[in-house]
Amino acid sequence: VAHPLSVYIDTQGTGRVDEDKLSDVLQQLVNLSPRGIRTHLGLNRPIYARTSSYGHFGRTPEADGGFSWERTDLVDDLRGAF
């Protein structure tokens, strides 16, 4: 099955919106199939060598797409949905 059967979001009590609604909106905004995730984040390129030193969390996305999973490009769309 290409698309997820379910999506579970847990904001650990820090969320300001209903997690079920957030899950629904996220599924509408982003193609959560494996191909959709790879395409959205540009993960088919050789960008992983940089993660071998100093990790990858909290680093600013680079111009060439490195650390693309740290982008906040969906913030405005998510805010607009609520």
C-alpha atoms as a PDB file:
ATOM      1  CA  VAL A   1       0.000   0.000   0.000  1.00  0.00           C
ATOM      2  CA  ALA A   2       1.626   3.231  -1.137  1.00  0.00           C
ATOM      3  CA  HIS A   3      -0.135   5.593   1.275  1.00  0.00           C
ATOM      4  CA  PRO A   4      -0.177   5.152   5.065  1.00  0.00           C
ATOM      5  CA  LEU A   5      -3.162   3.375   6.556  1.00  0.00           C
ATOM      6  CA  SER A   6      -3.056   5.742   9.500  1.00  0.00           C
ATOM      7  CA  VAL A   7      -1.083   8.734  10.732  1.00  0.00           C
ATOM      8  CA  TYR A   8      -0.507   9.238  14.445  1.00  0.00           C
ATOM      9  CA  ILE A   9       0.558  12.616  15.788  1.00  0.00           C
ATOM     10  CA  ASP A  10       1.521  13.136  19.414  1.00  0.00           C
ATOM     11  CA  THR A  11       2.534  16.670  20.353  1.00  0.00           C
ATOM     12  CA  GLN A  12       3.411  15.565  23.894  1.00  0.00           C
ATOM     13  CA  GLY A  13       0.922  18.035  25.325  1.00  0.00           C
ATOM     14  CA  THR A  14       2.546  21.047  23.643  1.00  0.00           C
ATOM     15  CA  GLY A  15       0.080  21.361  20.773  1.00  0.00           C
ATOM     16  CA  ARG A  16      -2.458  24.140  20.527  1.00  0.00           C
ATOM     17  CA  VAL A  17      -4.711  22.354  18.036  1.00  0.00           C
ATOM     18  CA  ASP A  18      -6.485  19.020  18.037  1.00  0.00           C
ATOM     19  CA  GLU A  19      -4.032  16.278  17.050  1.00  0.00           C
ATOM     20  CA  ASP A  20      -6.636  14.421  14.984  1.00  0.00           C
ATOM     21  CA  LYS A  21      -7.366  17.538  12.943  1.00  0.00           C
ATOM     22  CA  LEU A  22      -3.633  18.169  12.568  1.00  0.00           C
ATOM     23  CA  SER A  23      -3.244  14.638  11.230  1.00  0.00           C
ATOM     24  CA  ASP A  24      -6.036  15.183   8.703  1.00  0.00           C
ATOM     25  CA  VAL A  25      -4.613  18.517   7.522  1.00  0.00           C
ATOM     26  CA  LEU A  26      -1.092  17.130   7.232  1.00  0.00           C
ATOM     27  CA  GLN A  27      -2.312  14.248   5.088  1.00  0.00           C
ATOM     28  CA  GLN A  28      -4.009  16.752   2.779  1.00  0.00           C
ATOM     29  CA  LEU A  29      -0.923  18.972   2.481  1.00  0.00           C
ATOM     30  CA  VAL A  30       1.779  16.346   2.051  1.00  0.00           C
ATOM     31  CA  ASN A  31       1.940  13.213  -0.037  1.00  0.00           C
ATOM     32  CA  LEU A  32       2.915  10.706   2.671  1.00  0.00           C
ATOM     33  CA  SER A  33       3.690   7.845   0.321  1.00  0.00           C
ATOM     34  CA  PRO A  34       7.358   6.796   0.336  1.00  0.00           C
ATOM     35  CA  ARG A  35       7.836   8.477  -3.053  1.00  0.00           C
ATOM     36  CA  GLY A  36       6.048  11.634  -1.899  1.00  0.00           C
ATOM     37  CA  ILE A  37       8.249  11.940   1.184  1.00  0.00           C
ATOM     38  CA  ARG A  38      11.441  11.342  -0.827  1.00  0.00           C
ATOM     39  CA  THR A  39      10.366  13.944  -3.386  1.00  0.00           C
ATOM     40  CA  HIS A  40       9.228  16.582  -0.864  1.00  0.00           C
ATOM     41  CA  LEU A  41      12.445  16.334   1.135  1.00  0.00           C
ATOM     42  CA  GLY A  42      14.750  15.726  -1.840  1.00  0.00           C
ATOM     43  CA  LEU A  43      16.158  12.588  -0.254  1.00  0.00           C
ATOM     44  CA  ASN A  44      17.354  10.921  -3.458  1.00  0.00           C
ATOM     45  CA  ARG A  45      20.428  13.121  -3.588  1.00  0.00           C
ATOM     46  CA  PRO A  46      23.713  12.272  -1.815  1.00  0.00           C
ATOM     47  CA  ILE A  47      23.262  14.686   1.108  1.00  0.00           C
ATOM     48  CA  TYR A  48      23.867  12.371   4.055  1.00  0.00           C
ATOM     49  CA  ALA A  49      27.646  12.558   4.551  1.00  0.00           C
ATOM     50  CA  ARG A  50      27.188  15.792   6.532  1.00  0.00           C
ATOM     51  CA  THR A  51      25.080  13.975   9.112  1.00  0.00           C
ATOM     52  CA  SER A  52      28.038  11.777  10.069  1.00  0.00           C
ATOM     53  CA  SER A  53      29.606  14.574  12.108  1.00  0.00           C
ATOM     54  CA  TYR A  54      27.744  16.576  14.741  1.00  0.00           C
ATOM     55  CA  GLY A  55      24.432  14.880  13.910  1.00  0.00           C
ATOM     56  CA  HIS A  56      21.572  16.488  12.075  1.00  0.00           C
ATOM     57  CA  PHE A  57      18.993  17.814  14.528  1.00  0.00           C
ATOM     58  CA  GLY A  58      18.511  21.559  14.726  1.00  0.00           C
ATOM     59  CA  ARG A  59      20.771  22.435  11.815  1.00  0.00           C
ATOM     60  CA  THR A  60      19.737  25.090   9.332  1.00  0.00           C
ATOM     61  CA  PRO A  61      18.782  23.760   5.880  1.00  0.00           C
ATOM     62  CA  GLU A  62      21.514  24.477   3.386  1.00  0.00           C
ATOM     63  CA  ALA A  63      21.077  26.059  -0.041  1.00  0.00           C
ATOM     64  CA  ASP A  64      21.673  22.739  -1.809  1.00  0.00           C
ATOM     65  CA  GLY A  65      18.905  21.032   0.166  1.00  0.00           C
ATOM     66  CA  GLY A  66      21.077  19.475   2.846  1.00  0.00           C
ATOM     67  CA  PHE A  67      19.106  18.809   6.035  1.00  0.00           C
ATOM     68  CA  SER A  68      15.877  19.279   4.100  1.00  0.00           C
ATOM     69  CA  TRP A  69      13.929  17.610   6.909  1.00  0.00           C
ATOM     70  CA  GLU A  70      14.634  20.690   9.056  1.00  0.00           C
ATOM     71  CA  ARG A  71      12.764  23.016   6.660  1.00  0.00           C
ATOM     72  CA  THR A  72       9.681  24.790   7.945  1.00  0.00           C
ATOM     73  CA  ASP A  73       8.064  25.310   4.537  1.00  0.00           C
ATOM     74  CA  LEU A  74       4.689  23.923   5.642  1.00  0.00           C
ATOM     75  CA  VAL A  75       4.169  26.327   8.550  1.00  0.00           C
ATOM     76  CA  ASP A  76       2.104  28.888   6.627  1.00  0.00           C
ATOM     77  CA  ASP A  77      -0.079  26.199   5.048  1.00  0.00           C
ATOM     78  CA  LEU A  78      -0.675  24.548   8.419  1.00  0.00           C
ATOM     79  CA  ARG A  79      -1.513  27.871  10.073  1.00  0.00           C
ATOM     80  CA  GLY A  80      -3.885  28.696   7.239  1.00  0.00           C
ATOM     81  CA  ALA A  81      -5.734  25.434   7.789  1.00  0.00           C
ATOM     82  CA  PHE A  82      -6.469  26.338  11.383  1.00  0.00           C
END
